[in-house]
Amino acid sequence: MTRQLTAIIEREGDGYVALCPEVDVASQGSTVDEARRNLQEALELFFETASPEEIKERLRGEVYVTQVELAVG
């Protein structure tokens, strides 16, 4: 089965942190591509090792990533 999940990647210090908000799994890497690959590996391990109950408990059905605009200062 194939599943589409969200990856949010942001710079942190000298590297990047990648987060999948649907199951609250994170990883990191020294580049965006490395952080993405590491997150994919962490997600694969999560789905291979987690019980069906844990997956059901943690999996969020809908996650929306958007931007908001506001005046600052």
PDB file of N, CA and C in Angstrom:
ATOM      1  N   MET A   1       0.844  -1.182   0.000  1.00  0.00           N
ATOM      2  CA  MET A   1       0.000   0.000   0.000  1.00  0.00           C
ATOM      3  C   MET A   1       0.886   1.241   0.000  1.00  0.00           C
ATOM      4  N   THR A   2       0.498   2.229  -0.751  1.00  0.00           N
ATOM      5  CA  THR A   2       1.216   3.498  -0.812  1.00  0.00           C
ATOM      6  C   THR A   2       0.400   4.561  -0.091  1.00  0.00           C
ATOM      7  N   ARG A   3       1.100   5.416   0.628  1.00  0.00           N
ATOM      8  CA  ARG A   3       0.423   6.474   1.389  1.00  0.00           C
ATOM      9  C   ARG A   3       1.177   7.780   1.154  1.00  0.00           C
ATOM     10  N   GLN A   4       0.448   8.867   0.934  1.00  0.00           N
ATOM     11  CA  GLN A   4       1.039  10.197   0.799  1.00  0.00           C
ATOM     12  C   GLN A   4       1.027  10.859   2.171  1.00  0.00           C
ATOM     13  N   LEU A   5       2.181  11.305   2.636  1.00  0.00           N
ATOM     14  CA  LEU A   5       2.300  11.988   3.918  1.00  0.00           C
ATOM     15  C   LEU A   5       2.991  13.327   3.710  1.00  0.00           C
ATOM     16  N   THR A   6       2.807  14.220   4.647  1.00  0.00           N
ATOM     17  CA  THR A   6       3.383  15.557   4.583  1.00  0.00           C
ATOM     18  C   THR A   6       4.774  15.559   5.199  1.00  0.00           C
ATOM     19  N   ALA A   7       5.697  16.257   4.574  1.00  0.00           N
ATOM     20  CA  ALA A   7       7.033  16.471   5.132  1.00  0.00           C
ATOM     21  C   ALA A   7       7.258  17.975   5.235  1.00  0.00           C
ATOM     22  N   ILE A   8       7.470  18.450   6.448  1.00  0.00           N
ATOM     23  CA  ILE A   8       7.797  19.856   6.675  1.00  0.00           C
ATOM     24  C   ILE A   8       9.272  19.898   7.042  1.00  0.00           C
ATOM     25  N   ILE A   9      10.039  20.635   6.261  1.00  0.00           N
ATOM     26  CA  ILE A   9      11.486  20.683   6.468  1.00  0.00           C
ATOM     27  C   ILE A   9      11.883  22.124   6.714  1.00  0.00           C
ATOM     28  N   GLU A  10      12.628  22.330   7.785  1.00  0.00           N
ATOM     29  CA  GLU A  10      13.093  23.682   8.087  1.00  0.00           C
ATOM     30  C   GLU A  10      14.537  23.642   8.555  1.00  0.00           C
ATOM     31  N   ARG A  11      15.212  24.751   8.291  1.00  0.00           N
ATOM     32  CA  ARG A  11      16.611  24.873   8.708  1.00  0.00           C
ATOM     33  C   ARG A  11      16.665  25.014  10.216  1.00  0.00           C
ATOM     34  N   GLU A  12      17.623  24.325  10.809  1.00  0.00           N
ATOM     35  CA  GLU A  12      17.882  24.462  12.238  1.00  0.00           C
ATOM     36  C   GLU A  12      19.395  24.410  12.437  1.00  0.00           C
ATOM     37  N   GLY A  13      19.973  25.545  12.766  1.00  0.00           N
ATOM     38  CA  GLY A  13      21.426  25.604  12.924  1.00  0.00           C
ATOM     39  C   GLY A  13      22.117  25.335  11.602  1.00  0.00           C
ATOM     40  N   ASP A  14      23.036  24.361  11.608  1.00  0.00           N
ATOM     41  CA  ASP A  14      23.782  24.009  10.398  1.00  0.00           C
ATOM     42  C   ASP A  14      23.103  22.928   9.565  1.00  0.00           C
ATOM     43  N   GLY A  15      21.937  22.463   9.987  1.00  0.00           N
ATOM     44  CA  GLY A  15      21.271  21.373   9.287  1.00  0.00           C
ATOM     45  C   GLY A  15      19.802  21.638   9.084  1.00  0.00           C
ATOM     46  N   TYR A  16      19.068  20.575   8.861  1.00  0.00           N
ATOM     47  CA  TYR A  16      17.636  20.657   8.585  1.00  0.00           C
ATOM     48  C   TYR A  16      16.896  19.616   9.411  1.00  0.00           C
ATOM     49  N   VAL A  17      15.707  19.984   9.856  1.00  0.00           N
ATOM     50  CA  VAL A  17      14.837  19.079  10.592  1.00  0.00           C
ATOM     51  C   VAL A  17      13.617  18.820   9.720  1.00  0.00           C
ATOM     52  N   ALA A  18      13.240  17.551   9.612  1.00  0.00           N
ATOM     53  CA  ALA A  18      12.084  17.154   8.819  1.00  0.00           C
ATOM     54  C   ALA A  18      11.046  16.543   9.745  1.00  0.00           C
ATOM     55  N   LEU A  19       9.799  16.959   9.587  1.00  0.00           N
ATOM     56  CA  LEU A  19       8.717  16.493  10.439  1.00  0.00           C
ATOM     57  C   LEU A  19       7.555  16.011   9.579  1.00  0.00           C
ATOM     58  N   CYS A  20       6.985  14.884   9.962  1.00  0.00           N
ATOM     59  CA  CYS A  20       5.745  14.410   9.366  1.00  0.00           C
ATOM     60  C   CYS A  20       4.647  14.608  10.400  1.00  0.00           C
ATOM     61  N   PRO A  21       3.799  15.628  10.231  1.00  0.00           N
ATOM     62  CA  PRO A  21       2.794  15.929  11.252  1.00  0.00           C
ATOM     63  C   PRO A  21       1.684  14.889  11.357  1.00  0.00           C
ATOM     64  N   GLU A  22       1.452  14.100  10.319  1.00  0.00           N
ATOM     65  CA  GLU A  22       0.381  13.104  10.380  1.00  0.00           C
ATOM     66  C   GLU A  22       0.608  12.068  11.481  1.00  0.00           C
ATOM     67  N   VAL A  23       1.866  11.715  11.729  1.00  0.00           N
ATOM     68  CA  VAL A  23       2.168  10.701  12.758  1.00  0.00           C
ATOM     69  C   VAL A  23       3.174  11.208  13.787  1.00  0.00           C
ATOM     70  N   ASP A  24       3.553  12.469  13.688  1.00  0.00           N
ATOM     71  CA  ASP A  24       4.492  13.088  14.623  1.00  0.00           C
ATOM     72  C   ASP A  24       5.825  12.340  14.672  1.00  0.00           C
ATOM     73  N   VAL A  25       6.392  12.103  13.490  1.00  0.00           N
ATOM     74  CA  VAL A  25       7.709  11.478  13.355  1.00  0.00           C
ATOM     75  C   VAL A  25       8.632  12.527  12.761  1.00  0.00           C
ATOM     76  N   ALA A  26       9.850  12.609  13.306  1.00  0.00           N
ATOM     77  CA  ALA A  26      10.814  13.607  12.831  1.00  0.00           C
ATOM     78  C   ALA A  26      12.170  12.960  12.590  1.00  0.00           C
ATOM     79  N   SER A  27      12.970  13.633  11.782  1.00  0.00           N
ATOM     80  CA  SER A  27      14.352  13.235  11.537  1.00  0.00           C
ATOM     81  C   SER A  27      15.126  14.490  11.170  1.00  0.00           C
ATOM     82  N   GLN A  28      16.377  14.305  10.795  1.00  0.00           N
ATOM     83  CA  GLN A  28      17.209  15.461  10.458  1.00  0.00           C
ATOM     84  C   GLN A  28      18.267  15.061   9.448  1.00  0.00           C
ATOM     85  N   GLY A  29      18.938  16.068   8.906  1.00  0.00           N
ATOM     86  CA  GLY A  29      20.021  15.831   7.969  1.00  0.00           C
ATOM     87  C   GLY A  29      20.788  17.114   7.739  1.00  0.00           C
ATOM     88  N   SER A  30      21.918  16.979   7.090  1.00  0.00           N
ATOM     89  CA  SER A  30      22.745  18.162   6.849  1.00  0.00           C
ATOM     90  C   SER A  30      22.297  18.932   5.611  1.00  0.00           C
ATOM     91  N   THR A  31      21.466  18.308   4.757  1.00  0.00           N
ATOM     92  CA  THR A  31      20.884  18.986   3.598  1.00  0.00           C
ATOM     93  C   THR A  31      19.382  18.708   3.587  1.00  0.00           C
ATOM     94  N   VAL A  32      18.649  19.437   2.766  1.00  0.00           N
ATOM     95  CA  VAL A  32      17.209  19.198   2.639  1.00  0.00           C
ATOM     96  C   VAL A  32      16.960  17.778   2.141  1.00  0.00           C
ATOM     97  N   ASP A  33      17.702  17.362   1.126  1.00  0.00           N
ATOM     98  CA  ASP A  33      17.515  16.015   0.575  1.00  0.00           C
ATOM     99  C   ASP A  33      17.825  14.936   1.612  1.00  0.00           C
ATOM    100  N   GLU A  34      18.880  15.126   2.370  1.00  0.00           N
ATOM    101  CA  GLU A  34      19.231  14.143   3.385  1.00  0.00           C
ATOM    102  C   GLU A  34      18.167  14.084   4.482  1.00  0.00           C
ATOM    103  N   ALA A  35      17.661  15.238   4.901  1.00  0.00           N
ATOM    104  CA  ALA A  35      16.610  15.270   5.913  1.00  0.00           C
ATOM    105  C   ALA A  35      15.358  14.571   5.396  1.00  0.00           C
ATOM    106  N   ARG A  36      15.025  14.776   4.142  1.00  0.00           N
ATOM    107  CA  ARG A  36      13.850  14.132   3.537  1.00  0.00           C
ATOM    108  C   ARG A  36      14.039  12.621   3.470  1.00  0.00           C
ATOM    109  N   ARG A  37      15.204  12.181   3.028  1.00  0.00           N
ATOM    110  CA  ARG A  37      15.480  10.739   2.971  1.00  0.00           C
ATOM    111  C   ARG A  37      15.453  10.111   4.358  1.00  0.00           C
ATOM    112  N   ASN A  38      16.043  10.796   5.334  1.00  0.00           N
ATOM    113  CA  ASN A  38      16.056  10.277   6.702  1.00  0.00           C
ATOM    114  C   ASN A  38      14.648  10.212   7.285  1.00  0.00           C
ATOM    115  N   LEU A  39      13.814  11.201   6.958  1.00  0.00           N
ATOM    116  CA  LEU A  39      12.433  11.162   7.412  1.00  0.00           C
ATOM    117  C   LEU A  39      11.695   9.991   6.771  1.00  0.00           C
ATOM    118  N   GLN A  40      11.910   9.784   5.493  1.00  0.00           N
ATOM    119  CA  GLN A  40      11.269   8.658   4.815  1.00  0.00           C
ATOM    120  C   GLN A  40      11.670   7.339   5.475  1.00  0.00           C
ATOM    121  N   GLU A  41      12.945   7.187   5.797  1.00  0.00           N
ATOM    122  CA  GLU A  41      13.408   5.976   6.472  1.00  0.00           C
ATOM    123  C   GLU A  41      12.767   5.832   7.857  1.00  0.00           C
ATOM    124  N   ALA A  42      12.693   6.933   8.601  1.00  0.00           N
ATOM    125  CA  ALA A  42      12.079   6.894   9.930  1.00  0.00           C
ATOM    126  C   ALA A  42      10.600   6.525   9.841  1.00  0.00           C
ATOM    127  N   LEU A  43       9.908   7.041   8.818  1.00  0.00           N
ATOM    128  CA  LEU A  43       8.500   6.702   8.634  1.00  0.00           C
ATOM    129  C   LEU A  43       8.321   5.230   8.267  1.00  0.00           C
ATOM    130  N   GLU A  44       9.189   4.730   7.395  1.00  0.00           N
ATOM    131  CA  GLU A  44       9.119   3.316   7.029  1.00  0.00           C
ATOM    132  C   GLU A  44       9.311   2.440   8.260  1.00  0.00           C
ATOM    133  N   LEU A  45      10.284   2.788   9.095  1.00  0.00           N
ATOM    134  CA  LEU A  45      10.519   2.026  10.325  1.00  0.00           C
ATOM    135  C   LEU A  45       9.329   2.115  11.268  1.00  0.00           C
ATOM    136  N   PHE A  46       8.749   3.306  11.381  1.00  0.00           N
ATOM    137  CA  PHE A  46       7.573   3.470  12.235  1.00  0.00           C
ATOM    138  C   PHE A  46       6.451   2.545  11.793  1.00  0.00           C
ATOM    139  N   PHE A  47       6.122   2.561  10.492  1.00  0.00           N
ATOM    140  CA  PHE A  47       5.008   1.752  10.006  1.00  0.00           C
ATOM    141  C   PHE A  47       5.315   0.257  10.048  1.00  0.00           C
ATOM    142  N   GLU A  48       6.596  -0.118   9.978  1.00  0.00           N
ATOM    143  CA  GLU A  48       6.977  -1.530  10.081  1.00  0.00           C
ATOM    144  C   GLU A  48       6.889  -2.040  11.511  1.00  0.00           C
ATOM    145  N   THR A  49       7.175  -1.186  12.493  1.00  0.00           N
ATOM    146  CA  THR A  49       7.298  -1.659  13.875  1.00  0.00           C
ATOM    147  C   THR A  49       6.135  -1.289  14.784  1.00  0.00           C
ATOM    148  N   ALA A  50       5.389  -0.273  14.458  1.00  0.00           N
ATOM    149  CA  ALA A  50       4.279   0.161  15.322  1.00  0.00           C
ATOM    150  C   ALA A  50       3.117  -0.820  15.217  1.00  0.00           C
ATOM    151  N   SER A  51       2.427  -0.973  16.317  1.00  0.00           N
ATOM    152  CA  SER A  51       1.241  -1.831  16.314  1.00  0.00           C
ATOM    153  C   SER A  51       0.117  -1.129  15.558  1.00  0.00           C
ATOM    154  N   PRO A  52      -0.852  -1.887  15.071  1.00  0.00           N
ATOM    155  CA  PRO A  52      -1.991  -1.259  14.405  1.00  0.00           C
ATOM    156  C   PRO A  52      -2.704  -0.249  15.310  1.00  0.00           C
ATOM    157  N   GLU A  53      -2.740  -0.532  16.601  1.00  0.00           N
ATOM    158  CA  GLU A  53      -3.385   0.388  17.548  1.00  0.00           C
ATOM    159  C   GLU A  53      -2.625   1.704  17.632  1.00  0.00           C
ATOM    160  N   GLU A  54      -1.282   1.630  17.686  1.00  0.00           N
ATOM    161  CA  GLU A  54      -0.492   2.858  17.755  1.00  0.00           C
ATOM    162  C   GLU A  54      -0.625   3.674  16.479  1.00  0.00           C
ATOM    163  N   ILE A  55      -0.614   3.006  15.352  1.00  0.00           N
ATOM    164  CA  ILE A  55      -0.777   3.715  14.076  1.00  0.00           C
ATOM    165  C   ILE A  55      -2.128   4.418  14.046  1.00  0.00           C
ATOM    166  N   LYS A  56      -3.186   3.709  14.438  1.00  0.00           N
ATOM    167  CA  LYS A  56      -4.523   4.299  14.441  1.00  0.00           C
ATOM    168  C   LYS A  56      -4.599   5.488  15.393  1.00  0.00           C
ATOM    169  N   GLU A  57      -3.949   5.372  16.545  1.00  0.00           N
ATOM    170  CA  GLU A  57      -3.976   6.440  17.543  1.00  0.00           C
ATOM    171  C   GLU A  57      -3.227   7.683  17.079  1.00  0.00           C
ATOM    172  N   ARG A  58      -2.097   7.484  16.392  1.00  0.00           N
ATOM    173  CA  ARG A  58      -1.252   8.618  16.016  1.00  0.00           C
ATOM    174  C   ARG A  58      -1.580   9.219  14.655  1.00  0.00           C
ATOM    175  N   LEU A  59      -2.157   8.447  13.764  1.00  0.00           N
ATOM    176  CA  LEU A  59      -2.368   8.901  12.394  1.00  0.00           C
ATOM    177  C   LEU A  59      -3.494   9.930  12.326  1.00  0.00           C
ATOM    178  N   ARG A  60      -3.153  11.095  11.832  1.00  0.00           N
ATOM    179  CA  ARG A  60      -4.139  12.166  11.632  1.00  0.00           C
ATOM    180  C   ARG A  60      -4.588  12.115  10.177  1.00  0.00           C
ATOM    181  N   GLY A  61      -5.873  12.190   9.961  1.00  0.00           N
ATOM    182  CA  GLY A  61      -6.422  12.045   8.616  1.00  0.00           C
ATOM    183  C   GLY A  61      -6.145  13.203   7.691  1.00  0.00           C
ATOM    184  N   GLU A  62      -6.221  14.406   8.207  1.00  0.00           N
ATOM    185  CA  GLU A  62      -6.042  15.578   7.349  1.00  0.00           C
ATOM    186  C   GLU A  62      -5.082  16.559   8.012  1.00  0.00           C
ATOM    187  N   VAL A  63      -4.102  16.973   7.243  1.00  0.00           N
ATOM    188  CA  VAL A  63      -3.161  17.999   7.681  1.00  0.00           C
ATOM    189  C   VAL A  63      -3.069  19.023   6.565  1.00  0.00           C
ATOM    190  N   TYR A  64      -3.207  20.280   6.916  1.00  0.00           N
ATOM    191  CA  TYR A  64      -3.137  21.353   5.933  1.00  0.00           C
ATOM    192  C   TYR A  64      -1.926  22.224   6.230  1.00  0.00           C
ATOM    193  N   VAL A  65      -1.138  22.482   5.218  1.00  0.00           N
ATOM    194  CA  VAL A  65       0.007  23.374   5.335  1.00  0.00           C
ATOM    195  C   VAL A  65      -0.293  24.579   4.459  1.00  0.00           C
ATOM    196  N   THR A  66      -0.285  25.743   5.070  1.00  0.00           N
ATOM    197  CA  THR A  66      -0.598  26.955   4.332  1.00  0.00           C
ATOM    198  C   THR A  66       0.204  28.104   4.918  1.00  0.00           C
ATOM    199  N   GLN A  67       0.028  29.274   4.384  1.00  0.00           N
ATOM    200  CA  GLN A  67       0.703  30.454   4.886  1.00  0.00           C
ATOM    201  C   GLN A  67      -0.346  31.503   5.250  1.00  0.00           C
ATOM    202  N   VAL A  68       0.002  32.331   6.191  1.00  0.00           N
ATOM    203  CA  VAL A  68      -0.850  33.462   6.535  1.00  0.00           C
ATOM    204  C   VAL A  68      -0.021  34.723   6.410  1.00  0.00           C
ATOM    205  N   GLU A  69      -0.671  35.816   6.108  1.00  0.00           N
ATOM    206  CA  GLU A  69       0.006  37.099   5.956  1.00  0.00           C
ATOM    207  C   GLU A  69      -0.484  38.034   7.026  1.00  0.00           C
ATOM    208  N   LEU A  70       0.439  38.721   7.684  1.00  0.00           N
ATOM    209  CA  LEU A  70       0.050  39.699   8.671  1.00  0.00           C
ATOM    210  C   LEU A  70       1.067  40.821   8.710  1.00  0.00           C
ATOM    211  N   ALA A  71       0.607  41.981   9.146  1.00  0.00           N
ATOM    212  CA  ALA A  71       1.479  43.138   9.290  1.00  0.00           C
ATOM    213  C   ALA A  71       2.201  43.019  10.612  1.00  0.00           C
ATOM    214  N   VAL A  72       3.505  43.203  10.592  1.00  0.00           N
ATOM    215  CA  VAL A  72       4.308  43.109  11.807  1.00  0.00           C
ATOM    216  C   VAL A  72       5.029  44.436  12.004  1.00  0.00           C
ATOM    217  N   GLY A  73       4.918  44.934  13.223  1.00  0.00           N
ATOM    218  CA  GLY A  73       5.665  46.126  13.609  1.00  0.00           C
ATOM    219  C   GLY A  73       5.102  47.359  13.057  1.00  0.00           C
TER     220      GLY A  73
END
